[in-house]
Structure formats: structure tokens, C-alpha cells
PDB file of N, CA and C in Angstrom:
ATOM      1  N   MET A   1     -38.805 -22.402  13.797  1.00  0.00           N
ATOM      2  CA  MET A   1     -38.570 -22.587  12.907  1.00  0.00           C
ATOM      3  C   MET A   1     -37.169 -23.563  13.198  1.00  0.00           C
ATOM      4  N   ASP A   2     -36.872 -24.763  12.851  1.00  0.00           N
ATOM      5  CA  ASP A   2     -35.640 -25.713  13.043  1.00  0.00           C
ATOM      6  C   ASP A   2     -34.330 -24.958  12.360  1.00  0.00           C
ATOM      7  N   ARG A   3     -33.331 -25.599  13.057  1.00  0.00           N
ATOM      8  CA  ARG A   3     -31.994 -25.798  12.509  1.00  0.00           C
ATOM      9  C   ARG A   3     -31.923 -25.913  10.851  1.00  0.00           C
ATOM     10  N   SER A   4     -32.225 -26.998  10.642  1.00  0.00           N
ATOM     11  CA  SER A   4     -32.273 -27.125   8.639  1.00  0.00           C
ATOM     12  C   SER A   4     -32.845 -26.238   8.339  1.00  0.00           C
ATOM     13  N   SER A   5     -33.977 -25.524   8.465  1.00  0.00           N
ATOM     14  CA  SER A   5     -34.731 -24.699   8.163  1.00  0.00           C
ATOM     15  C   SER A   5     -33.986 -23.309   7.832  1.00  0.00           C
ATOM     16  N   GLU A   6     -33.627 -22.924   8.986  1.00  0.00           N
ATOM     17  CA  GLU A   6     -32.524 -21.779   9.205  1.00  0.00           C
ATOM     18  C   GLU A   6     -31.623 -21.775   8.307  1.00  0.00           C
ATOM     19  N   THR A   7     -31.421 -22.745   8.201  1.00  0.00           N
ATOM     20  CA  THR A   7     -29.712 -22.953   7.167  1.00  0.00           C
ATOM     21  C   THR A   7     -30.016 -22.944   5.829  1.00  0.00           C
ATOM     22  N   LEU A   8     -31.193 -23.421   5.294  1.00  0.00           N
ATOM     23  CA  LEU A   8     -31.733 -23.181   3.519  1.00  0.00           C
ATOM     24  C   LEU A   8     -32.107 -21.800   3.557  1.00  0.00           C
ATOM     25  N   GLU A   9     -32.405 -21.176   4.703  1.00  0.00           N
ATOM     26  CA  GLU A   9     -32.979 -19.526   4.540  1.00  0.00           C
ATOM     27  C   GLU A   9     -31.967 -18.998   4.077  1.00  0.00           C
ATOM     28  N   SER A  10     -30.732 -19.548   5.281  1.00  0.00           N
ATOM     29  CA  SER A  10     -29.614 -18.413   5.290  1.00  0.00           C
ATOM     30  C   SER A  10     -28.884 -18.675   3.612  1.00  0.00           C
ATOM     31  N   ILE A  11     -29.265 -19.972   3.129  1.00  0.00           N
ATOM     32  CA  ILE A  11     -27.966 -20.089   1.892  1.00  0.00           C
ATOM     33  C   ILE A  11     -29.221 -19.174   0.975  1.00  0.00           C
ATOM     34  N   ARG A  12     -30.459 -19.378   0.788  1.00  0.00           N
ATOM     35  CA  ARG A  12     -31.224 -18.656   0.098  1.00  0.00           C
ATOM     36  C   ARG A  12     -30.636 -17.090   0.064  1.00  0.00           C
ATOM     37  N   GLU A  13     -30.927 -16.689   1.138  1.00  0.00           N
ATOM     38  CA  GLU A  13     -30.208 -15.336   1.142  1.00  0.00           C
ATOM     39  C   GLU A  13     -29.071 -14.599   0.840  1.00  0.00           C
ATOM     40  N   ILE A  14     -28.129 -15.451   1.108  1.00  0.00           N
ATOM     41  CA  ILE A  14     -26.467 -15.841   0.490  1.00  0.00           C
ATOM     42  C   ILE A  14     -26.450 -15.372  -0.741  1.00  0.00           C
ATOM     43  N   ASN A  15     -27.505 -16.748  -1.813  1.00  0.00           N
ATOM     44  CA  ASN A  15     -27.688 -16.653  -3.166  1.00  0.00           C
ATOM     45  C   ASN A  15     -28.087 -15.524  -3.864  1.00  0.00           C
ATOM     46  N   LEU A  16     -29.202 -14.610  -3.110  1.00  0.00           N
ATOM     47  CA  LEU A  16     -29.698 -13.572  -3.284  1.00  0.00           C
ATOM     48  C   LEU A  16     -28.793 -12.570  -3.344  1.00  0.00           C
ATOM     49  N   SER A  17     -28.062 -12.541  -2.974  1.00  0.00           N
ATOM     50  CA  SER A  17     -26.955 -11.188  -2.367  1.00  0.00           C
ATOM     51  C   SER A  17     -25.914 -11.587  -3.362  1.00  0.00           C
ATOM     52  N   TYR A  18     -25.466 -12.954  -3.453  1.00  0.00           N
ATOM     53  CA  TYR A  18     -24.116 -13.196  -4.246  1.00  0.00           C
ATOM     54  C   TYR A  18     -24.707 -12.452  -5.965  1.00  0.00           C
ATOM     55  N   ILE A  19     -25.677 -12.885  -6.184  1.00  0.00           N
ATOM     56  CA  ILE A  19     -26.389 -13.094  -7.757  1.00  0.00           C
ATOM     57  C   ILE A  19     -26.445 -11.310  -7.986  1.00  0.00           C
ATOM     58  N   MET A  20     -27.506 -10.654  -6.759  1.00  0.00           N
ATOM     59  CA  MET A  20     -27.237  -9.292  -7.009  1.00  0.00           C
ATOM     60  C   MET A  20     -25.736  -8.554  -6.962  1.00  0.00           C
ATOM     61  N   LEU A  21     -24.959  -8.988  -6.376  1.00  0.00           N
ATOM     62  CA  LEU A  21     -23.566  -8.240  -5.955  1.00  0.00           C
ATOM     63  C   LEU A  21     -22.934  -8.365  -7.444  1.00  0.00           C
ATOM     64  N   ALA A  22     -23.484  -9.815  -8.131  1.00  0.00           N
ATOM     65  CA  ALA A  22     -22.296  -9.858  -9.222  1.00  0.00           C
ATOM     66  C   ALA A  22     -22.977  -9.142 -10.130  1.00  0.00           C
ATOM     67  N   GLN A  23     -24.396  -9.054 -10.361  1.00  0.00           N
ATOM     68  CA  GLN A  23     -24.949  -8.662 -11.442  1.00  0.00           C
ATOM     69  C   GLN A  23     -24.301  -7.130 -11.402  1.00  0.00           C
ATOM     70  N   ARG A  24     -24.524  -6.402 -10.466  1.00  0.00           N
ATOM     71  CA  ARG A  24     -23.830  -4.952 -10.237  1.00  0.00           C
ATOM     72  C   ARG A  24     -22.513  -4.787 -10.523  1.00  0.00           C
ATOM     73  N   MET A  25     -21.570  -5.948 -10.198  1.00  0.00           N
ATOM     74  CA  MET A  25     -20.185  -6.019 -10.499  1.00  0.00           C
ATOM     75  C   MET A  25     -19.904  -5.859 -12.109  1.00  0.00           C
ATOM     76  N   LEU A  26     -20.551  -6.710 -12.791  1.00  0.00           N
ATOM     77  CA  LEU A  26     -20.452  -7.261 -13.705  1.00  0.00           C
ATOM     78  C   LEU A  26     -20.829  -5.979 -14.744  1.00  0.00           C
ATOM     79  N   ARG A  27     -21.852  -5.237 -14.418  1.00  0.00           N
ATOM     80  CA  ARG A  27     -22.649  -4.421 -15.021  1.00  0.00           C
ATOM     81  C   ARG A  27     -21.664  -2.745 -14.762  1.00  0.00           C
ATOM     82  N   GLU A  28     -20.832  -2.700 -13.860  1.00  0.00           N
ATOM     83  CA  GLU A  28     -19.859  -1.653 -13.583  1.00  0.00           C
ATOM     84  C   GLU A  28     -18.830  -1.675 -14.129  1.00  0.00           C
ATOM     85  N   ASP A  29     -17.979  -3.062 -14.582  1.00  0.00           N
ATOM     86  CA  ASP A  29     -16.929  -3.244 -15.192  1.00  0.00           C
ATOM     87  C   ASP A  29     -16.651  -4.620 -15.498  1.00  0.00           C
ATOM     88  N   LYS A  30     -16.870  -5.197 -16.585  1.00  0.00           N
ATOM     89  CA  LYS A  30     -17.485  -6.564 -16.894  1.00  0.00           C
ATOM     90  C   LYS A  30     -15.798  -7.144 -16.405  1.00  0.00           C
ATOM     91  N   ALA A  31     -14.858  -6.793 -16.992  1.00  0.00           N
ATOM     92  CA  ALA A  31     -13.655  -7.347 -17.159  1.00  0.00           C
ATOM     93  C   ALA A  31     -13.279  -7.448 -15.353  1.00  0.00           C
ATOM     94  N   VAL A  32     -13.528  -6.628 -14.746  1.00  0.00           N
ATOM     95  CA  VAL A  32     -12.995  -6.618 -13.375  1.00  0.00           C
ATOM     96  C   VAL A  32     -14.053  -7.474 -12.059  1.00  0.00           C
ATOM     97  N   GLY A  33     -15.284  -7.158 -12.993  1.00  0.00           N
ATOM     98  CA  GLY A  33     -16.133  -8.601 -12.106  1.00  0.00           C
ATOM     99  C   GLY A  33     -15.796 -10.074 -12.604  1.00  0.00           C
ATOM    100  N   MET A  34     -15.695  -9.880 -13.948  1.00  0.00           N
ATOM    101  CA  MET A  34     -15.629 -11.483 -14.230  1.00  0.00           C
ATOM    102  C   MET A  34     -13.775 -11.639 -13.358  1.00  0.00           C
ATOM    103  N   PHE A  35     -13.346 -11.006 -13.300  1.00  0.00           N
ATOM    104  CA  PHE A  35     -11.816 -11.540 -12.902  1.00  0.00           C
ATOM    105  C   PHE A  35     -12.249 -11.939 -11.307  1.00  0.00           C
ATOM    106  N   ARG A  36     -12.861 -10.846 -10.791  1.00  0.00           N
ATOM    107  CA  ARG A  36     -13.225 -11.046  -8.809  1.00  0.00           C
ATOM    108  C   ARG A  36     -14.594 -12.067  -8.854  1.00  0.00           C
ATOM    109  N   LEU A  37     -14.784 -12.604  -9.782  1.00  0.00           N
ATOM    110  CA  LEU A  37     -15.897 -13.607  -9.938  1.00  0.00           C
ATOM    111  C   LEU A  37     -15.036 -14.568  -9.757  1.00  0.00           C
ATOM    112  N   GLY A  38     -14.194 -14.667 -11.099  1.00  0.00           N
ATOM    113  CA  GLY A  38     -13.626 -16.192 -11.477  1.00  0.00           C
ATOM    114  C   GLY A  38     -14.336 -16.560 -12.351  1.00  0.00           C
ATOM    115  N   LEU A  39     -15.159 -15.872 -13.157  1.00  0.00           N
ATOM    116  CA  LEU A  39     -16.305 -16.247 -14.136  1.00  0.00           C
ATOM    117  C   LEU A  39     -16.013 -16.209 -15.605  1.00  0.00           C
ATOM    118  N   SER A  40     -16.359 -17.036 -16.683  1.00  0.00           N
ATOM    119  CA  SER A  40     -16.039 -16.822 -17.710  1.00  0.00           C
ATOM    120  C   SER A  40     -16.845 -15.936 -18.168  1.00  0.00           C
ATOM    121  N   SER A  41     -16.486 -15.201 -19.879  1.00  0.00           N
ATOM    122  CA  SER A  41     -16.939 -14.496 -20.324  1.00  0.00           C
ATOM    123  C   SER A  41     -19.016 -14.707 -20.380  1.00  0.00           C
ATOM    124  N   GLU A  42     -18.673 -16.262 -20.859  1.00  0.00           N
ATOM    125  CA  GLU A  42     -20.229 -16.584 -21.273  1.00  0.00           C
ATOM    126  C   GLU A  42     -21.247 -16.312 -20.305  1.00  0.00           C
ATOM    127  N   LEU A  43     -20.084 -17.208 -18.717  1.00  0.00           N
ATOM    128  CA  LEU A  43     -21.309 -16.920 -17.711  1.00  0.00           C
ATOM    129  C   LEU A  43     -21.820 -15.603 -17.259  1.00  0.00           C
ATOM    130  N   ALA A  44     -20.551 -14.645 -17.328  1.00  0.00           N
ATOM    131  CA  ALA A  44     -20.968 -13.606 -17.005  1.00  0.00           C
ATOM    132  C   ALA A  44     -22.017 -12.727 -17.374  1.00  0.00           C
ATOM    133  N   ASP A  45     -21.762 -12.771 -18.997  1.00  0.00           N
ATOM    134  CA  ASP A  45     -23.222 -12.418 -20.009  1.00  0.00           C
ATOM    135  C   ASP A  45     -24.219 -13.300 -19.556  1.00  0.00           C
ATOM    136  N   ILE A  46     -24.505 -14.382 -19.014  1.00  0.00           N
ATOM    137  CA  ILE A  46     -25.893 -14.824 -18.530  1.00  0.00           C
ATOM    138  C   ILE A  46     -26.105 -14.360 -17.289  1.00  0.00           C
ATOM    139  N   LEU A  47     -25.301 -14.460 -16.282  1.00  0.00           N
ATOM    140  CA  LEU A  47     -25.468 -13.710 -14.926  1.00  0.00           C
ATOM    141  C   LEU A  47     -25.863 -11.953 -15.146  1.00  0.00           C
ATOM    142  N   ALA A  48     -25.259 -11.728 -15.999  1.00  0.00           N
ATOM    143  CA  ALA A  48     -25.520  -9.845 -16.155  1.00  0.00           C
ATOM    144  C   ALA A  48     -27.198  -9.597 -16.587  1.00  0.00           C
ATOM    145  N   GLY A  49     -27.753 -10.572 -17.584  1.00  0.00           N
ATOM    146  CA  GLY A  49     -28.522 -10.448 -18.074  1.00  0.00           C
ATOM    147  C   GLY A  49     -30.157 -11.063 -17.614  1.00  0.00           C
ATOM    148  N   LEU A  50     -29.654 -11.978 -16.188  1.00  0.00           N
ATOM    149  CA  LEU A  50     -30.940 -12.384 -15.696  1.00  0.00           C
ATOM    150  C   LEU A  50     -32.071 -11.289 -15.495  1.00  0.00           C
ATOM    151  N   SER A  51     -33.258 -11.701 -15.264  1.00  0.00           N
ATOM    152  CA  SER A  51     -34.261 -11.173 -14.870  1.00  0.00           C
ATOM    153  C   SER A  51     -34.590 -11.210 -13.737  1.00  0.00           C
ATOM    154  N   LEU A  52     -35.293 -10.385 -12.739  1.00  0.00           N
ATOM    155  CA  LEU A  52     -35.754 -10.421 -11.640  1.00  0.00           C
ATOM    156  C   LEU A  52     -36.185 -11.653 -11.142  1.00  0.00           C
ATOM    157  N   ALA A  53     -37.478 -11.898 -11.743  1.00  0.00           N
ATOM    158  CA  ALA A  53     -37.518 -13.306 -11.629  1.00  0.00           C
ATOM    159  C   ALA A  53     -37.022 -14.487 -12.048  1.00  0.00           C
ATOM    160  N   GLN A  54     -35.938 -14.326 -12.491  1.00  0.00           N
ATOM    161  CA  GLN A  54     -34.702 -15.506 -12.634  1.00  0.00           C
ATOM    162  C   GLN A  54     -34.174 -15.772 -11.406  1.00  0.00           C
ATOM    163  N   ILE A  55     -33.688 -14.202 -11.215  1.00  0.00           N
ATOM    164  CA  ILE A  55     -32.748 -14.194 -10.073  1.00  0.00           C
ATOM    165  C   ILE A  55     -33.157 -14.871  -8.767  1.00  0.00           C
ATOM    166  N   VAL A  56     -34.353 -14.583  -8.323  1.00  0.00           N
ATOM    167  CA  VAL A  56     -35.380 -14.819  -7.387  1.00  0.00           C
ATOM    168  C   VAL A  56     -35.426 -16.308  -7.620  1.00  0.00           C
ATOM    169  N   LYS A  57     -35.825 -17.119  -8.656  1.00  0.00           N
ATOM    170  CA  LYS A  57     -35.874 -18.674  -8.440  1.00  0.00           C
ATOM    171  C   LYS A  57     -34.592 -19.250  -8.661  1.00  0.00           C
ATOM    172  N   LEU A  58     -33.381 -18.533  -9.035  1.00  0.00           N
ATOM    173  CA  LEU A  58     -31.985 -19.244  -8.912  1.00  0.00           C
ATOM    174  C   LEU A  58     -31.542 -19.090  -7.570  1.00  0.00           C
ATOM    175  N   ALA A  59     -32.041 -17.838  -7.283  1.00  0.00           N
ATOM    176  CA  ALA A  59     -31.473 -17.728  -5.379  1.00  0.00           C
ATOM    177  C   ALA A  59     -32.133 -18.717  -4.729  1.00  0.00           C
ATOM    178  N   SER A  60     -33.715 -19.132  -5.141  1.00  0.00           N
ATOM    179  CA  SER A  60     -34.032 -20.008  -4.243  1.00  0.00           C
ATOM    180  C   SER A  60     -33.774 -21.416  -4.134  1.00  0.00           C
ATOM    181  N   SER A  61     -32.725 -21.677  -4.745  1.00  0.00           N
ATOM    182  CA  SER A  61     -32.162 -23.405  -4.928  1.00  0.00           C
ATOM    183  C   SER A  61     -31.508 -23.511  -3.334  1.00  0.00           C
ATOM    184  N   ASP A  62     -31.335 -24.767  -3.113  1.00  0.00           N
ATOM    185  CA  ASP A  62     -31.056 -24.996  -1.613  1.00  0.00           C
ATOM    186  C   ASP A  62     -29.827 -25.390  -1.939  1.00  0.00           C
ATOM    187  N   GLN A  63     -29.077 -25.241  -2.840  1.00  0.00           N
ATOM    188  CA  GLN A  63     -27.686 -25.359  -3.061  1.00  0.00           C
ATOM    189  C   GLN A  63     -27.151 -23.782  -3.326  1.00  0.00           C
ATOM    190  N   LEU A  64     -25.489 -23.765  -2.326  1.00  0.00           N
ATOM    191  CA  LEU A  64     -25.107 -22.558  -2.422  1.00  0.00           C
ATOM    192  C   LEU A  64     -24.562 -22.344  -3.845  1.00  0.00           C
ATOM    193  N   LEU A  65     -24.697 -20.853  -4.441  1.00  0.00           N
ATOM    194  CA  LEU A  65     -24.136 -20.642  -5.697  1.00  0.00           C
ATOM    195  C   LEU A  65     -22.914 -20.307  -5.935  1.00  0.00           C
ATOM    196  N   CYS A  66     -22.397 -19.700  -4.478  1.00  0.00           N
ATOM    197  CA  CYS A  66     -21.229 -19.289  -4.514  1.00  0.00           C
ATOM    198  C   CYS A  66     -20.434 -20.329  -3.898  1.00  0.00           C
ATOM    199  N   PHE A  67     -18.957 -20.123  -4.635  1.00  0.00           N
ATOM    200  CA  PHE A  67     -18.041 -21.183  -3.864  1.00  0.00           C
ATOM    201  C   PHE A  67     -16.860 -20.281  -3.264  1.00  0.00           C
ATOM    202  N   PHE A  68     -15.917 -21.144  -2.393  1.00  0.00           N
ATOM    203  CA  PHE A  68     -15.038 -20.906  -1.862  1.00  0.00           C
ATOM    204  C   PHE A  68     -13.548 -20.679  -2.796  1.00  0.00           C
ATOM    205  N   ARG A  69     -12.926 -19.574  -3.274  1.00  0.00           N
ATOM    206  CA  ARG A  69     -12.408 -19.483  -4.379  1.00  0.00           C
ATOM    207  C   ARG A  69     -10.494 -20.005  -3.625  1.00  0.00           C
ATOM    208  N   PHE A  70     -10.432 -19.478  -2.470  1.00  0.00           N
ATOM    209  CA  PHE A  70      -9.448 -19.894  -1.765  1.00  0.00           C
ATOM    210  C   PHE A  70      -8.825 -21.058  -1.413  1.00  0.00           C
ATOM    211  N   ASN A  71      -8.516 -22.147  -2.543  1.00  0.00           N
ATOM    212  CA  ASN A  71      -8.467 -23.657  -2.028  1.00  0.00           C
ATOM    213  C   ASN A  71      -7.245 -24.136  -2.069  1.00  0.00           C
ATOM    214  N   ASP A  72      -6.316 -23.077  -1.943  1.00  0.00           N
ATOM    215  CA  ASP A  72      -4.839 -23.517  -1.405  1.00  0.00           C
ATOM    216  C   ASP A  72      -4.400 -23.059  -0.469  1.00  0.00           C
ATOM    217  N   HIS A  73      -3.483 -23.452   0.289  1.00  0.00           N
ATOM    218  CA  HIS A  73      -2.512 -22.711   1.240  1.00  0.00           C
ATOM    219  C   HIS A  73      -2.245 -21.677   1.162  1.00  0.00           C
ATOM    220  N   THR A  74      -1.416 -21.318  -0.201  1.00  0.00           N
ATOM    221  CA  THR A  74      -0.674 -20.285  -0.596  1.00  0.00           C
ATOM    222  C   THR A  74      -1.420 -19.257  -0.709  1.00  0.00           C
ATOM    223  N   MET A  75      -2.152 -19.159  -1.123  1.00  0.00           N
ATOM    224  CA  MET A  75      -3.897 -18.452  -1.584  1.00  0.00           C
ATOM    225  C   MET A  75      -4.171 -17.738  -0.231  1.00  0.00           C
ATOM    226  N   LEU A  76      -4.433 -18.394   0.618  1.00  0.00           N
ATOM    227  CA  LEU A  76      -5.453 -18.354   1.835  1.00  0.00           C
ATOM    228  C   LEU A  76      -4.651 -17.649   2.544  1.00  0.00           C
ATOM    229  N   SER A  77      -3.270 -18.380   2.675  1.00  0.00           N
ATOM    230  CA  SER A  77      -2.006 -17.405   3.676  1.00  0.00           C
ATOM    231  C   SER A  77      -1.788 -15.850   3.517  1.00  0.00           C
ATOM    232  N   ALA A  78      -1.856 -15.653   2.407  1.00  0.00           N
ATOM    233  CA  ALA A  78      -1.228 -14.690   1.424  1.00  0.00           C
ATOM    234  C   ALA A  78      -2.659 -13.523   2.131  1.00  0.00           C
ATOM    235  N   LEU A  79      -3.708 -13.952   2.262  1.00  0.00           N
ATOM    236  CA  LEU A  79      -4.842 -12.965   2.807  1.00  0.00           C
ATOM    237  C   LEU A  79      -5.140 -13.123   4.420  1.00  0.00           C
ATOM    238  N   THR A  80      -4.655 -14.374   5.014  1.00  0.00           N
ATOM    239  CA  THR A  80      -5.071 -14.197   6.488  1.00  0.00           C
ATOM    240  C   THR A  80      -4.170 -13.976   7.117  1.00  0.00           C
ATOM    241  N   HIS A  81      -2.586 -13.698   6.923  1.00  0.00           N
ATOM    242  CA  HIS A  81      -1.528 -13.380   7.650  1.00  0.00           C
ATOM    243  C   HIS A  81      -1.371 -11.933   7.622  1.00  0.00           C
ATOM    244  N   THR A  82      -0.946 -11.405   8.602  1.00  0.00           N
ATOM    245  CA  THR A  82      -0.541 -10.117   8.993  1.00  0.00           C
ATOM    246  C   THR A  82       0.687  -9.845   8.273  1.00  0.00           C
ATOM    247  N   SER A  83       0.563  -9.061   7.478  1.00  0.00           N
ATOM    248  CA  SER A  83       1.816  -8.342   6.527  1.00  0.00           C
ATOM    249  C   SER A  83       1.755  -6.967   7.137  1.00  0.00           C
ATOM    250  N   ARG A  84       3.444  -6.631   6.773  1.00  0.00           N
ATOM    251  CA  ARG A  84       3.787  -5.028   7.080  1.00  0.00           C
ATOM    252  C   ARG A  84       3.691  -4.297   6.120  1.00  0.00           C
ATOM    253  N   ASN A  85       2.899  -5.017   4.782  1.00  0.00           N
ATOM    254  CA  ASN A  85       2.624  -4.137   3.364  1.00  0.00           C
ATOM    255  C   ASN A  85       1.025  -4.943   3.215  1.00  0.00           C
ATOM    256  N   ALA A  86       0.161  -4.352   3.673  1.00  0.00           N
ATOM    257  CA  ALA A  86      -1.156  -5.217   3.096  1.00  0.00           C
ATOM    258  C   ALA A  86      -1.467  -5.069   1.655  1.00  0.00           C
ATOM    259  N   GLU A  87      -0.677  -4.028   0.702  1.00  0.00           N
ATOM    260  CA  GLU A  87      -0.902  -3.917  -0.466  1.00  0.00           C
ATOM    261  C   GLU A  87      -0.332  -5.150  -0.987  1.00  0.00           C
ATOM    262  N   VAL A  88       0.973  -5.263  -0.693  1.00  0.00           N
ATOM    263  CA  VAL A  88       1.708  -6.771  -1.289  1.00  0.00           C
ATOM    264  C   VAL A  88       0.743  -7.821  -1.015  1.00  0.00           C
ATOM    265  N   ALA A  89       0.141  -8.014   0.205  1.00  0.00           N
ATOM    266  CA  ALA A  89      -0.629  -9.639   0.343  1.00  0.00           C
ATOM    267  C   ALA A  89      -1.709  -9.273  -0.129  1.00  0.00           C
ATOM    268  N   SER A  90      -2.203  -8.284  -0.636  1.00  0.00           N
ATOM    269  CA  SER A  90      -2.992  -8.227  -1.625  1.00  0.00           C
ATOM    270  C   SER A  90      -3.191  -8.077  -3.327  1.00  0.00           C
ATOM    271  N   THR A  91      -1.643  -7.869  -3.676  1.00  0.00           N
ATOM    272  CA  THR A  91      -1.722  -7.940  -4.732  1.00  0.00           C
ATOM    273  C   THR A  91      -1.120  -9.417  -4.964  1.00  0.00           C
ATOM    274  N   HIS A  92      -0.282 -10.152  -4.157  1.00  0.00           N
ATOM    275  CA  HIS A  92       0.042 -11.341  -4.264  1.00  0.00           C
ATOM    276  C   HIS A  92      -1.109 -12.129  -4.445  1.00  0.00           C
ATOM    277  N   ALA A  93      -2.144 -12.042  -3.503  1.00  0.00           N
ATOM    278  CA  ALA A  93      -3.498 -12.986  -3.771  1.00  0.00           C
ATOM    279  C   ALA A  93      -4.182 -12.815  -4.763  1.00  0.00           C
ATOM    280  N   ALA A  94      -4.180 -11.586  -5.713  1.00  0.00           N
ATOM    281  CA  ALA A  94      -4.224 -11.657  -6.882  1.00  0.00           C
ATOM    282  C   ALA A  94      -3.883 -12.181  -7.792  1.00  0.00           C
ATOM    283  N   ILE A  95      -2.566 -12.196  -7.754  1.00  0.00           N
ATOM    284  CA  ILE A  95      -2.166 -12.979  -8.985  1.00  0.00           C
ATOM    285  C   ILE A  95      -2.298 -14.368  -8.484  1.00  0.00           C
ATOM    286  N   LEU A  96      -2.212 -15.136  -7.489  1.00  0.00           N
ATOM    287  CA  LEU A  96      -2.458 -16.249  -7.726  1.00  0.00           C
ATOM    288  C   LEU A  96      -3.877 -16.461  -7.919  1.00  0.00           C
ATOM    289  N   LEU A  97      -4.733 -15.781  -7.486  1.00  0.00           N
ATOM    290  CA  LEU A  97      -5.998 -15.818  -8.243  1.00  0.00           C
ATOM    291  C   LEU A  97      -6.471 -15.871  -9.830  1.00  0.00           C
ATOM    292  N   ALA A  98      -5.357 -14.746 -10.626  1.00  0.00           N
ATOM    293  CA  ALA A  98      -5.349 -14.959 -11.897  1.00  0.00           C
ATOM    294  C   ALA A  98      -5.206 -15.990 -12.561  1.00  0.00           C
ATOM    295  N   GLY A  99      -4.398 -16.642 -11.762  1.00  0.00           N
ATOM    296  CA  GLY A  99      -3.809 -18.257 -12.124  1.00  0.00           C
ATOM    297  C   GLY A  99      -4.634 -19.254 -12.401  1.00  0.00           C
ATOM    298  N   GLN A 100      -6.268 -19.123 -11.605  1.00  0.00           N
ATOM    299  CA  GLN A 100      -7.051 -19.994 -11.485  1.00  0.00           C
ATOM    300  C   GLN A 100      -7.947 -19.681 -12.856  1.00  0.00           C
ATOM    301  N   PRO A 101      -8.315 -21.166 -13.072  1.00  0.00           N
ATOM    302  CA  PRO A 101      -9.556 -20.697 -14.824  1.00  0.00           C
ATOM    303  C   PRO A 101     -10.610 -20.189 -14.307  1.00  0.00           C
ATOM    304  N   ALA A 102     -11.054 -19.546 -15.191  1.00  0.00           N
ATOM    305  CA  ALA A 102     -12.482 -19.182 -14.918  1.00  0.00           C
ATOM    306  C   ALA A 102     -13.689 -20.188 -15.014  1.00  0.00           C
ATOM    307  N   GLU A 103     -14.632 -20.107 -14.453  1.00  0.00           N
ATOM    308  CA  GLU A 103     -15.681 -21.358 -14.482  1.00  0.00           C
ATOM    309  C   GLU A 103     -16.208 -21.440 -15.688  1.00  0.00           C
ATOM    310  N   GLN A 104     -16.525 -22.353 -16.592  1.00  0.00           N
ATOM    311  CA  GLN A 104     -17.124 -22.854 -17.316  1.00  0.00           C
ATOM    312  C   GLN A 104     -18.226 -23.525 -16.917  1.00  0.00           C
ATOM    313  N   PHE A 105     -19.160 -23.421 -18.176  1.00  0.00           N
ATOM    314  CA  PHE A 105     -20.242 -24.533 -18.073  1.00  0.00           C
ATOM    315  C   PHE A 105     -19.755 -26.051 -18.813  1.00  0.00           C
ATOM    316  N   ALA A 106     -20.486 -26.783 -18.205  1.00  0.00           N
ATOM    317  CA  ALA A 106     -20.050 -28.363 -18.435  1.00  0.00           C
ATOM    318  C   ALA A 106     -21.002 -29.113 -19.567  1.00  0.00           C
TER     319      ALA A 106
END
């Protein structure tokens, strides 16, 4: 298997894991799952309702379905720098994430 094929297979595995995790989080507590995943209510409902066949089809995409939410220095620093109080750093990061808009369909 060449490097490109390995990369595509890794993307597909990540996609499958991400969708399954997202579904579990949304089914356990929709509001918390939406917050942690950065999803709108509409997108959360669609993800939570996907059948196994739909999950497999979606996961087989060659595009990474999850995205890196920590897109600014302040947020990334809050999570990566050592702090005397890890709970404060975690809370600070949660506050920063809460200010980001939920993903919407275009």
C-alpha cells in the first residue's frame, strides 16, 4: 500500500470514528454534544439519525469530515500551555469555544 492509499484509509477511519462518536455524544446529551462538536441543531439531528449504511457511505469520503476548531492563538494557548489550575484553562477554552458560531448548512 502506498503512502497516498494509507492516508486515504486513515481519513476514512477517522471519519467513521468521528461520526460514531458524534452520534453517541448527541444521543447521550444533545445540547452538550452540540456544544462540544460545534454543531447546529439541524446538523445534530441529521447526524444522530444516520443509518449504519449512511454512516459507512459518509465515512468513505476522501475528505476529512471533522475540522480543527482551535483556529486562533488564544484558544490553542489556553489548551496547550501548562497551567497551575487545569480546570481554569479548560473553562477558559470552553468559554472561547462557546463564542464560535455553530456549523450551518450552506
